[in-house]
N, C-alpha and C. Protein backbone atom coordinates (compact mmCIF):
# COMPACT_ATOMS: atom_id res chain seq x y z
N MET A 1 0.85 -0.95 0.20
CA MET A 1 0.20 0.06 0.08
C MET A 1 0.78 1.20 -0.09
N ALA A 2 0.55 2.18 -0.97
CA ALA A 2 1.36 3.29 -0.97
C ALA A 2 1.39 4.25 0.26
N GLU A 3 2.23 4.99 0.67
CA GLU A 3 2.17 5.99 1.71
C GLU A 3 1.59 7.42 1.31
N ARG A 4 0.23 7.70 2.06
CA ARG A 4 -0.09 9.11 1.79
C ARG A 4 -0.15 9.80 3.05
N VAL A 5 0.28 10.79 3.17
CA VAL A 5 0.26 11.53 4.40
C VAL A 5 -0.67 12.79 4.07
N CYS A 6 -1.62 13.22 4.90
CA CYS A 6 -2.53 14.23 5.12
C CYS A 6 -1.48 15.20 4.98
N PRO A 7 -1.94 16.45 4.01
CA PRO A 7 -0.91 17.87 4.29
C PRO A 7 -1.44 18.44 5.59
N TRP A 8 -0.48 19.03 6.03
CA TRP A 8 -0.73 19.91 7.31
C TRP A 8 -1.79 21.04 7.26
N TYR A 9 -1.98 21.75 6.15
CA TYR A 9 -2.94 22.58 5.94
C TYR A 9 -4.24 21.95 6.03
N LEU A 10 -4.57 20.69 5.64
CA LEU A 10 -5.89 20.31 5.99
C LEU A 10 -6.24 19.75 7.27
N GLY A 11 -5.15 19.84 8.34
CA GLY A 11 -5.44 19.78 9.59
C GLY A 11 -6.61 20.82 10.05
N TYR A 12 -6.73 22.02 9.41
CA TYR A 12 -7.62 23.01 9.82
C TYR A 12 -8.94 22.62 9.35
N ILE A 13 -9.28 21.86 8.50
CA ILE A 13 -10.44 21.31 7.83
C ILE A 13 -10.99 19.98 8.85
N LEU A 14 -9.90 19.48 9.25
CA LEU A 14 -10.41 18.10 10.14
C LEU A 14 -10.53 18.76 11.63
N ALA A 15 -10.04 19.93 12.02
CA ALA A 15 -10.30 20.46 13.29
C ALA A 15 -11.51 21.26 13.54
N ASN A 16 -12.08 21.47 12.30
CA ASN A 16 -13.28 22.46 12.25
C ASN A 16 -14.27 22.13 12.87
N PRO A 17 -15.21 22.73 14.02
CA PRO A 17 -16.12 22.44 14.75
C PRO A 17 -17.42 21.97 13.91
N LEU A 18 -17.56 22.37 12.74
CA LEU A 18 -18.48 21.94 11.96
C LEU A 18 -18.47 20.35 11.71
N ARG A 19 -17.32 19.89 11.85
CA ARG A 19 -17.22 18.20 11.71
C ARG A 19 -18.05 17.60 12.68
N ASN A 20 -18.36 18.32 13.81
CA ASN A 20 -19.23 17.65 15.07
C ASN A 20 -20.44 17.35 14.28
N LEU A 21 -20.89 17.90 13.16
CA LEU A 21 -22.35 17.29 12.63
C LEU A 21 -22.12 16.07 12.15
N PHE A 22 -21.00 15.60 11.83
CA PHE A 22 -20.78 14.07 11.09
C PHE A 22 -19.96 13.28 12.05
N HIS A 23 -18.95 13.92 12.78
CA HIS A 23 -18.16 12.84 13.63
C HIS A 23 -17.78 13.46 15.18
N LYS A 24 -18.98 13.51 15.81
CA LYS A 24 -18.87 14.31 17.15
C LYS A 24 -18.16 12.98 17.98
N PRO A 25 -17.05 13.46 18.50
CA PRO A 25 -16.37 12.43 19.41
C PRO A 25 -17.09 11.85 20.50
N GLU A 26 -17.75 12.52 21.45
CA GLU A 26 -18.42 12.20 22.38
C GLU A 26 -19.45 11.29 22.02
N LYS A 27 -20.15 11.44 20.93
CA LYS A 27 -21.26 10.43 20.39
C LYS A 27 -20.63 9.00 19.86
N ILE A 28 -19.43 9.27 19.11
CA ILE A 28 -19.10 8.11 18.35
C ILE A 28 -17.94 7.49 19.56
N LEU A 29 -17.72 7.91 20.58
CA LEU A 29 -16.72 7.13 21.47
C LEU A 29 -17.25 6.82 22.92
N ARG A 30 -18.63 7.18 23.23
CA ARG A 30 -19.05 7.16 24.69
C ARG A 30 -19.26 5.82 25.10
N ASP A 31 -19.39 4.78 24.25
CA ASP A 31 -19.05 3.15 24.53
C ASP A 31 -17.68 3.05 25.03
N TYR A 32 -16.88 3.63 24.44
CA TYR A 32 -15.50 2.96 24.94
C TYR A 32 -14.71 4.10 25.71
N VAL A 33 -14.81 5.28 25.67
CA VAL A 33 -13.97 6.15 26.43
C VAL A 33 -14.57 6.46 27.57
N LYS A 34 -13.89 6.40 28.92
CA LYS A 34 -14.39 6.58 30.11
C LYS A 34 -13.50 7.59 31.15
N PRO A 35 -14.06 8.02 32.13
CA PRO A 35 -13.42 8.80 32.88
C PRO A 35 -12.23 8.03 33.68
N GLY A 36 -10.99 8.54 33.73
CA GLY A 36 -9.84 8.11 34.12
C GLY A 36 -9.07 7.11 33.43
N MET A 37 -9.38 6.80 32.27
CA MET A 37 -8.61 6.27 31.39
C MET A 37 -7.59 6.70 30.53
N THR A 38 -6.73 6.10 30.25
CA THR A 38 -5.50 6.37 29.34
C THR A 38 -5.81 5.99 28.07
N VAL A 39 -5.97 6.81 27.08
CA VAL A 39 -6.23 6.41 25.83
C VAL A 39 -5.24 7.16 24.79
N LEU A 40 -5.42 6.50 23.40
CA LEU A 40 -4.35 6.73 22.46
C LEU A 40 -4.72 7.24 21.26
N ASP A 41 -4.60 8.58 20.66
CA ASP A 41 -5.15 9.08 19.32
C ASP A 41 -4.05 8.89 18.51
N ILE A 42 -4.02 7.93 17.48
CA ILE A 42 -3.13 7.79 16.48
C ILE A 42 -3.44 8.59 15.38
N GLY A 43 -2.49 9.48 15.00
CA GLY A 43 -2.63 10.32 13.76
C GLY A 43 -3.67 11.55 14.21
N SER A 44 -3.35 12.15 15.38
CA SER A 44 -4.26 12.75 16.09
C SER A 44 -4.46 14.31 15.36
N ALA A 45 -3.46 14.70 14.32
CA ALA A 45 -3.44 15.93 13.63
C ALA A 45 -3.58 16.93 14.52
N MET A 46 -4.54 18.03 14.57
CA MET A 46 -4.81 19.17 15.34
C MET A 46 -5.63 18.83 16.76
N GLY A 47 -6.05 17.75 16.67
CA GLY A 47 -7.01 17.27 18.20
C GLY A 47 -8.28 17.26 17.87
N PHE A 48 -8.94 17.05 16.87
CA PHE A 48 -10.21 17.07 17.02
C PHE A 48 -10.68 15.89 17.76
N PHE A 49 -10.52 14.85 17.50
CA PHE A 49 -10.56 13.98 18.61
C PHE A 49 -10.10 13.72 19.93
N SER A 50 -8.60 14.12 20.16
CA SER A 50 -7.99 14.16 21.08
C SER A 50 -8.73 14.96 22.30
N LEU A 51 -9.00 16.35 21.68
CA LEU A 51 -9.65 17.15 22.74
C LEU A 51 -11.16 16.77 23.21
N GLY A 52 -11.82 15.86 22.42
CA GLY A 52 -13.09 15.21 22.72
C GLY A 52 -12.81 14.28 23.69
N MET A 53 -11.66 13.46 23.48
CA MET A 53 -11.35 12.43 24.48
C MET A 53 -11.27 12.98 25.79
N ALA A 54 -10.14 14.05 25.71
CA ALA A 54 -9.67 14.71 26.90
C ALA A 54 -11.01 15.13 27.76
N ARG A 55 -11.90 15.63 27.17
CA ARG A 55 -13.13 16.10 27.99
C ARG A 55 -13.74 14.63 28.66
N MET A 56 -13.54 13.52 27.83
CA MET A 56 -14.30 12.29 28.34
C MET A 56 -13.68 11.74 29.35
N VAL A 57 -12.21 11.63 29.21
CA VAL A 57 -11.51 11.03 30.22
C VAL A 57 -11.55 11.72 31.75
N GLY A 58 -11.61 13.13 31.54
CA GLY A 58 -11.74 13.87 32.79
C GLY A 58 -10.26 14.21 33.12
N PRO A 59 -10.17 14.89 34.42
CA PRO A 59 -9.01 15.28 35.04
C PRO A 59 -7.88 14.38 35.60
N ASP A 60 -8.57 12.89 35.69
CA ASP A 60 -7.73 11.70 36.12
C ASP A 60 -7.36 10.94 35.00
N GLY A 61 -7.80 11.19 33.82
CA GLY A 61 -7.36 10.54 32.38
C GLY A 61 -6.31 11.28 31.69
N ARG A 62 -5.78 10.57 30.65
CA ARG A 62 -4.73 10.95 29.84
C ARG A 62 -4.82 10.44 28.46
N VAL A 63 -4.69 11.40 27.66
CA VAL A 63 -4.93 11.07 25.96
C VAL A 63 -3.56 11.21 25.39
N VAL A 64 -2.86 9.96 25.09
CA VAL A 64 -1.66 10.26 24.17
C VAL A 64 -1.98 10.42 22.82
N CYS A 65 -1.48 11.71 22.35
CA CYS A 65 -1.57 12.18 20.95
C CYS A 65 -0.35 11.90 20.02
N VAL A 66 -0.53 10.98 19.10
CA VAL A 66 1.02 10.59 18.16
C VAL A 66 0.20 11.38 16.80
N ASP A 67 1.21 12.06 16.30
CA ASP A 67 1.10 12.32 14.84
C ASP A 67 2.72 12.51 14.20
N LEU A 68 2.57 12.54 13.21
CA LEU A 68 4.04 12.32 11.99
C LEU A 68 4.32 13.81 11.89
N GLN A 69 3.55 14.67 11.88
CA GLN A 69 4.00 15.94 11.75
C GLN A 69 3.94 16.99 12.85
N ASP A 70 5.21 17.60 12.98
CA ASP A 70 5.31 18.48 14.15
C ASP A 70 4.40 19.53 14.22
N ILE A 71 4.10 19.98 13.14
CA ILE A 71 3.22 21.26 12.88
C ILE A 71 1.67 21.02 13.40
N MET A 72 1.25 19.78 13.16
CA MET A 72 0.10 19.29 13.58
C MET A 72 0.05 19.14 15.14
N ILE A 73 1.11 19.04 15.74
CA ILE A 73 1.30 18.44 16.94
C ILE A 73 1.47 19.88 17.85
N ASN A 74 1.94 20.66 17.43
CA ASN A 74 2.25 22.22 17.98
C ASN A 74 0.80 22.69 17.82
N ASN A 75 0.03 22.83 16.71
CA ASN A 75 -1.17 23.09 16.66
C ASN A 75 -2.14 22.68 17.76
N LEU A 76 -2.03 21.17 17.82
CA LEU A 76 -3.08 20.59 18.75
C LEU A 76 -2.57 21.30 20.23
N LYS A 77 -1.19 21.26 20.32
CA LYS A 77 -0.74 21.91 21.76
C LYS A 77 -1.59 23.33 22.03
N ARG A 78 -1.66 24.10 21.13
CA ARG A 78 -2.05 25.36 21.29
C ARG A 78 -3.58 25.53 21.31
N ARG A 79 -4.50 24.53 20.59
CA ARG A 79 -5.55 24.30 20.93
C ARG A 79 -6.16 23.80 22.06
N ALA A 80 -5.21 22.87 22.70
CA ALA A 80 -5.64 22.26 24.04
C ALA A 80 -5.44 23.47 25.00
N ASN A 81 -4.22 24.13 24.82
CA ASN A 81 -3.93 25.35 26.08
C ASN A 81 -5.32 26.10 25.82
N ARG A 82 -5.77 26.66 24.79
CA ARG A 82 -7.05 27.54 24.84
C ARG A 82 -7.98 26.61 25.31
N ALA A 83 -8.34 25.45 25.11
CA ALA A 83 -9.22 24.71 25.86
C ALA A 83 -9.29 24.48 27.28
N GLY A 84 -8.17 24.80 27.69
CA GLY A 84 -7.89 24.29 29.09
C GLY A 84 -7.38 22.66 29.32
N LEU A 85 -7.31 22.23 28.32
CA LEU A 85 -7.08 20.55 28.27
C LEU A 85 -5.55 20.04 28.25
N ILE A 86 -4.69 20.88 28.32
CA ILE A 86 -3.34 20.61 27.89
C ILE A 86 -2.91 19.61 28.89
N ASP A 87 -2.95 20.06 30.15
CA ASP A 87 -2.84 18.87 31.39
C ASP A 87 -3.25 17.37 31.10
N ARG A 88 -4.05 17.29 30.32
CA ARG A 88 -4.56 15.90 30.07
C ARG A 88 -3.85 15.27 28.98
N LEU A 89 -2.89 15.83 28.29
CA LEU A 89 -2.61 15.45 26.97
C LEU A 89 -1.36 14.88 27.15
N ASP A 90 -0.73 14.02 26.14
CA ASP A 90 0.99 13.74 26.15
C ASP A 90 0.92 13.69 24.68
N PRO A 91 1.31 14.87 23.96
CA PRO A 91 1.70 14.96 22.60
C PRO A 91 3.03 14.55 22.11
N ARG A 92 2.75 13.78 21.01
CA ARG A 92 4.13 13.08 20.55
C ARG A 92 4.21 13.23 19.24
N VAL A 93 5.49 13.23 18.68
CA VAL A 93 5.65 13.25 17.12
C VAL A 93 6.43 11.96 16.98
N CYS A 94 5.76 11.14 16.20
CA CYS A 94 6.35 9.71 15.81
C CYS A 94 7.13 9.78 14.52
N SER A 95 7.45 8.62 14.18
CA SER A 95 8.44 8.45 12.91
C SER A 95 7.30 7.82 11.87
N LYS A 96 8.07 7.63 10.86
CA LYS A 96 7.29 7.03 9.53
C LYS A 96 7.34 5.43 10.12
N HIS A 97 7.94 4.96 10.73
CA HIS A 97 8.23 3.48 11.06
C HIS A 97 7.78 3.35 12.42
N SER A 98 7.33 4.23 13.29
CA SER A 98 7.14 3.73 14.78
C SER A 98 6.19 5.05 15.30
N LEU A 99 5.30 4.49 15.97
CA LEU A 99 4.56 5.27 17.01
C LEU A 99 5.40 5.96 17.75
N GLN A 100 6.66 5.36 18.31
CA GLN A 100 7.30 6.06 19.27
C GLN A 100 6.50 5.97 20.91
N ILE A 101 5.92 4.78 21.17
CA ILE A 101 5.00 4.56 22.26
C ILE A 101 5.64 3.12 23.25
N ASP A 102 6.86 2.97 22.74
CA ASP A 102 7.44 1.59 23.41
C ASP A 102 7.27 1.71 24.96
N ASP A 103 7.40 3.15 25.70
CA ASP A 103 7.34 3.31 27.12
C ASP A 103 5.78 2.98 27.63
N LEU A 104 4.97 2.76 26.75
CA LEU A 104 3.43 2.65 27.10
C LEU A 104 3.22 1.21 26.93
N ALA A 105 3.84 0.19 27.16
CA ALA A 105 3.30 -1.18 26.78
C ALA A 105 2.52 -1.58 28.04
N GLY A 106 1.33 -1.80 27.79
CA GLY A 106 0.22 -2.59 28.44
C GLY A 106 -0.40 -1.39 29.20
N GLN A 107 -0.14 -0.28 28.92
CA GLN A 107 -0.79 1.04 29.69
C GLN A 107 -2.10 1.57 29.16
N ILE A 108 -2.45 1.50 28.05
CA ILE A 108 -3.33 2.03 27.17
C ILE A 108 -4.85 1.30 27.25
N ASP A 109 -5.87 1.83 27.74
CA ASP A 109 -7.10 1.33 27.81
C ASP A 109 -7.88 1.34 26.41
N PHE A 110 -7.65 2.31 25.55
CA PHE A 110 -8.48 2.40 24.44
C PHE A 110 -7.44 2.98 23.38
N ALA A 111 -7.40 2.84 22.09
CA ALA A 111 -6.88 3.36 21.11
C ALA A 111 -7.99 3.79 19.92
N LEU A 112 -7.62 4.93 19.23
CA LEU A 112 -8.39 5.17 18.08
C LEU A 112 -7.34 5.57 16.81
N ALA A 113 -7.98 5.06 15.67
CA ALA A 113 -7.32 5.07 14.51
C ALA A 113 -8.08 5.76 13.48
N PHE A 114 -8.40 6.98 13.27
CA PHE A 114 -9.42 7.72 12.67
C PHE A 114 -8.95 8.25 11.45
N TYR A 115 -9.33 7.55 10.26
CA TYR A 115 -8.78 8.08 9.11
C TYR A 115 -7.17 8.01 8.85
N VAL A 116 -6.59 7.25 9.42
CA VAL A 116 -5.18 7.24 9.31
C VAL A 116 -4.50 6.04 8.91
N VAL A 117 -5.05 5.11 8.83
CA VAL A 117 -3.97 3.62 8.60
C VAL A 117 -3.99 3.55 7.29
N HIS A 118 -4.78 4.25 6.41
CA HIS A 118 -4.53 4.13 4.92
C HIS A 118 -3.06 5.11 4.55
N GLU A 119 -2.71 5.85 5.51
CA GLU A 119 -1.39 6.70 5.14
C GLU A 119 -0.50 5.78 5.80
N VAL A 120 -0.56 4.69 6.36
CA VAL A 120 0.67 4.10 7.15
C VAL A 120 1.28 2.95 5.97
N PRO A 121 2.73 3.09 6.03
CA PRO A 121 3.19 2.10 4.88
C PRO A 121 3.56 0.85 5.50
N ASP A 122 3.66 0.54 6.91
CA ASP A 122 3.67 -0.86 7.23
C ASP A 122 2.63 -1.14 8.44
N ILE A 123 1.41 -1.61 7.83
CA ILE A 123 -0.01 -1.72 8.73
C ILE A 123 0.41 -2.79 9.81
N HIS A 124 1.05 -3.79 9.45
CA HIS A 124 1.31 -5.02 10.56
C HIS A 124 2.16 -4.47 11.61
N ASN A 125 3.18 -3.36 11.48
CA ASN A 125 3.80 -2.92 12.46
C ASN A 125 3.03 -2.06 13.20
N LEU A 126 2.25 -1.20 12.66
CA LEU A 126 1.37 -0.37 13.37
C LEU A 126 0.52 -1.07 14.22
N MET A 127 -0.24 -2.23 13.67
CA MET A 127 -1.09 -2.91 14.67
C MET A 127 -0.33 -3.61 15.89
N THR A 128 1.05 -4.21 15.50
CA THR A 128 1.68 -4.68 16.46
C THR A 128 2.13 -3.68 17.63
N GLU A 129 2.51 -2.47 17.21
CA GLU A 129 2.84 -1.51 18.33
C GLU A 129 1.51 -1.14 19.15
N ILE A 130 0.27 -1.03 18.51
CA ILE A 130 -0.96 -0.67 19.07
C ILE A 130 -1.22 -1.60 20.00
N TYR A 131 -1.12 -3.39 19.71
CA TYR A 131 -1.39 -4.15 20.27
C TYR A 131 -0.63 -4.17 21.72
N ARG A 132 0.63 -3.96 21.47
CA ARG A 132 1.63 -3.93 22.60
C ARG A 132 1.31 -3.14 23.74
N SER A 133 0.54 -1.64 23.30
CA SER A 133 0.55 -0.55 24.15
C SER A 133 -0.84 -1.03 25.14
N LEU A 134 -1.70 -1.73 24.40
CA LEU A 134 -2.94 -1.85 25.12
C LEU A 134 -2.86 -2.78 26.18
N LYS A 135 -3.56 -2.46 27.32
CA LYS A 135 -3.73 -3.49 28.31
C LYS A 135 -4.58 -4.83 27.94
N PRO A 136 -4.62 -5.91 28.61
CA PRO A 136 -5.35 -7.17 28.26
C PRO A 136 -6.84 -6.56 28.29
N GLY A 137 -7.61 -6.83 27.29
CA GLY A 137 -8.81 -6.55 26.81
C GLY A 137 -9.01 -5.12 26.33
N GLY A 138 -8.15 -4.65 26.12
CA GLY A 138 -8.25 -3.02 25.53
C GLY A 138 -8.53 -2.98 24.23
N LYS A 139 -9.25 -1.91 23.81
CA LYS A 139 -10.03 -1.68 22.55
C LYS A 139 -9.33 -1.00 21.78
N LEU A 140 -9.28 -1.04 20.37
CA LEU A 140 -8.90 -0.31 19.35
C LEU A 140 -10.00 -0.15 18.43
N TYR A 141 -10.44 1.18 17.99
CA TYR A 141 -11.21 1.55 17.29
C TYR A 141 -10.86 2.06 15.73
N VAL A 142 -10.77 1.35 14.71
CA VAL A 142 -10.31 1.78 13.42
C VAL A 142 -11.46 2.12 12.39
N VAL A 143 -11.13 3.49 11.84
CA VAL A 143 -12.26 3.97 10.99
C VAL A 143 -11.45 4.38 9.98
N GLU A 144 -11.86 3.97 8.54
CA GLU A 144 -11.06 4.44 7.35
C GLU A 144 -12.36 4.91 6.34
N PRO A 145 -11.75 6.01 5.52
CA PRO A 145 -12.82 6.72 4.83
C PRO A 145 -12.93 5.50 3.27
N LYS A 146 -14.13 5.46 3.06
CA LYS A 146 -14.33 4.39 1.88
C LYS A 146 -13.62 5.43 0.73
N GLY A 147 -13.79 6.54 0.72
CA GLY A 147 -13.03 7.11 -0.60
C GLY A 147 -11.59 7.09 -0.72
N HIS A 148 -10.86 6.56 0.55
CA HIS A 148 -9.70 6.47 0.52
C HIS A 148 -9.06 4.70 0.45
N ALA A 149 -9.77 4.14 1.27
CA ALA A 149 -9.65 2.74 1.29
C ALA A 149 -10.59 1.62 0.81
N SER A 150 -10.40 1.10 -0.25
CA SER A 150 -11.00 0.12 -1.01
C SER A 150 -11.69 -0.96 0.26
N ALA A 151 -12.69 -1.69 -0.37
CA ALA A 151 -12.96 -2.71 0.58
C ALA A 151 -11.78 -3.80 0.88
N GLU A 152 -11.07 -4.15 -0.26
CA GLU A 152 -9.95 -5.05 -0.32
C GLU A 152 -8.85 -4.33 0.80
N ASP A 153 -8.50 -3.07 0.52
CA ASP A 153 -7.50 -2.44 1.46
C ASP A 153 -8.02 -2.59 3.04
N TYR A 154 -9.29 -2.47 3.03
CA TYR A 154 -9.83 -2.67 4.52
C TYR A 154 -9.72 -3.82 5.11
N LYS A 155 -10.14 -4.82 4.41
CA LYS A 155 -9.96 -6.17 4.59
C LYS A 155 -8.54 -6.52 5.13
N HIS A 156 -7.52 -6.03 4.33
CA HIS A 156 -6.06 -6.32 4.37
C HIS A 156 -5.75 -5.52 6.27
N THR A 157 -6.50 -4.49 6.45
CA THR A 157 -6.20 -3.73 7.43
C THR A 157 -6.40 -4.84 8.67
N GLU A 158 -7.84 -5.08 8.54
CA GLU A 158 -8.58 -6.27 9.36
C GLU A 158 -7.59 -7.38 9.82
N ASN A 159 -7.12 -7.91 8.65
CA ASN A 159 -6.53 -9.04 8.59
C ASN A 159 -5.15 -9.12 9.38
N GLU A 160 -4.34 -7.89 9.15
CA GLU A 160 -3.17 -7.43 10.16
C GLU A 160 -3.35 -7.28 11.25
N ALA A 161 -4.56 -6.70 11.55
CA ALA A 161 -4.95 -6.49 13.23
C ALA A 161 -5.26 -7.85 13.53
N GLU A 162 -5.53 -8.79 12.99
CA GLU A 162 -5.77 -10.03 13.74
C GLU A 162 -4.65 -10.68 13.76
N LYS A 163 -3.83 -10.59 12.71
CA LYS A 163 -2.45 -11.35 12.81
C LYS A 163 -1.63 -10.60 14.07
N ALA A 164 -1.72 -9.35 14.46
CA ALA A 164 -0.89 -8.99 15.39
C ALA A 164 -1.74 -9.41 16.62
N GLY A 165 -2.98 -10.11 16.83
CA GLY A 165 -3.32 -10.46 18.04
C GLY A 165 -4.94 -10.25 18.46
N PHE A 166 -5.31 -9.16 17.52
CA PHE A 166 -6.77 -8.56 18.11
C PHE A 166 -7.64 -9.43 17.60
N SER A 167 -8.85 -9.44 18.27
CA SER A 167 -10.09 -10.03 17.87
C SER A 167 -11.13 -8.93 17.57
N ILE A 168 -11.83 -9.30 16.42
CA ILE A 168 -12.94 -8.24 16.07
C ILE A 168 -14.19 -8.45 17.07
N VAL A 169 -14.57 -7.30 17.58
CA VAL A 169 -15.71 -7.36 18.50
C VAL A 169 -17.02 -6.61 17.90
N ASP A 170 -16.83 -5.70 16.81
CA ASP A 170 -17.83 -5.15 16.21
C ASP A 170 -17.43 -4.15 15.13
N HIS A 171 -18.75 -3.87 14.26
CA HIS A 171 -18.51 -3.14 12.83
C HIS A 171 -19.63 -1.95 13.26
N PRO A 172 -19.22 -0.96 14.16
CA PRO A 172 -20.23 0.24 14.27
C PRO A 172 -20.63 0.77 12.90
N LYS A 173 -21.75 1.28 12.63
CA LYS A 173 -22.32 2.13 11.45
C LYS A 173 -21.72 3.71 11.68
N MET A 174 -21.07 3.71 10.40
CA MET A 174 -20.76 5.29 10.17
C MET A 174 -20.69 5.50 8.36
N ARG A 175 -21.53 6.34 8.18
CA ARG A 175 -21.83 6.58 6.73
C ARG A 175 -20.49 6.93 6.27
N GLY A 176 -20.23 6.44 5.23
CA GLY A 176 -19.07 6.68 4.29
C GLY A 176 -17.53 6.03 4.90
N SER A 177 -17.93 5.36 5.62
CA SER A 177 -16.61 4.65 6.36
C SER A 177 -16.60 3.18 6.68
N TRP A 178 -15.40 2.64 6.80
CA TRP A 178 -15.17 1.41 7.05
C TRP A 178 -14.96 1.52 8.51
N THR A 179 -15.66 0.63 9.33
CA THR A 179 -15.40 0.55 10.86
C THR A 179 -15.13 -0.74 11.52
N THR A 180 -14.41 -0.84 12.54
CA THR A 180 -14.05 -1.91 13.38
C THR A 180 -13.51 -1.68 14.60
N VAL A 181 -14.08 -2.48 15.54
CA VAL A 181 -13.72 -2.34 16.96
C VAL A 181 -12.84 -3.86 17.24
N PHE A 182 -11.87 -3.56 17.55
CA PHE A 182 -10.89 -4.84 17.83
C PHE A 182 -10.79 -4.72 19.32
N ALA A 183 -10.40 -5.96 19.99
CA ALA A 183 -10.38 -6.17 21.49
C ALA A 183 -8.80 -6.89 21.45
N LYS A 184 -7.96 -6.43 22.62
CA LYS A 184 -6.74 -7.29 22.42
C LYS A 184 -7.25 -8.36 23.54
N ARG A 185 -6.80 -9.47 22.82
CA ARG A 185 -6.98 -10.86 23.65
C ARG A 185 -6.45 -10.87 25.17
N ARG A 186 -7.54 -11.19 25.90
CA ARG A 186 -6.73 -11.54 27.26
C ARG A 186 -5.94 -12.59 27.59
N VAL A 187 -5.03 -12.35 28.20
CA VAL A 187 -3.94 -13.61 28.33
C VAL A 187 -4.03 -14.41 29.65
C-alpha cells in the first residue's frame, strides 16, 4: 500500500467545529472512552478527537496524541491550551516507522485510529505497536474513509490486526466509512 500523508494545512479542515455534525467524538466514542482512562489517538492531527477524548477521560485521565507532523502536534498543543485541556494530553511526534510509544506497553485502555491507517506504510507494524500498548481486553477502534480505502484495503487492515493478536468485536455503522472495533485478547 502506498504511503499517503495528509497535508498539514488540511488539519484546519479536520479540526473545524462543523465536523461535529458528522463525527462528534462524544457520540462516536461514548461506549469506549470513560473517565480516568488512558487513551491513544493515532494520527491525532490538530486534535479534533484528542480534545473530545480529553473531556471524556476527565482530569484523572490522559490522552496520548501521536502524529507524524510536528506542525500538527504544535497546533494541537495550542488548541489544547486554549481549551484548558493541555494537562490531560501527552502529545508526541512519531516517525514513519514507529509510533514512538514503547514506553506505554500495557498501559493504554483504548486506542483510536480515525482516517489514518491508509496513510501508514507498514500496517502490520502499526497494529503490533498498538497491540503492545494496550492493556489485556483494551480496545482499538479503526475508522477508514471509503473514498481512500477500498474494501480490499480495509480487509487487509483487519487481517493485519488479527495477525497482531486482535479479535474483531464490532462493526459500528458510520456513513462513508469502514469501521471495526478490535479487542486485545486477554492472556
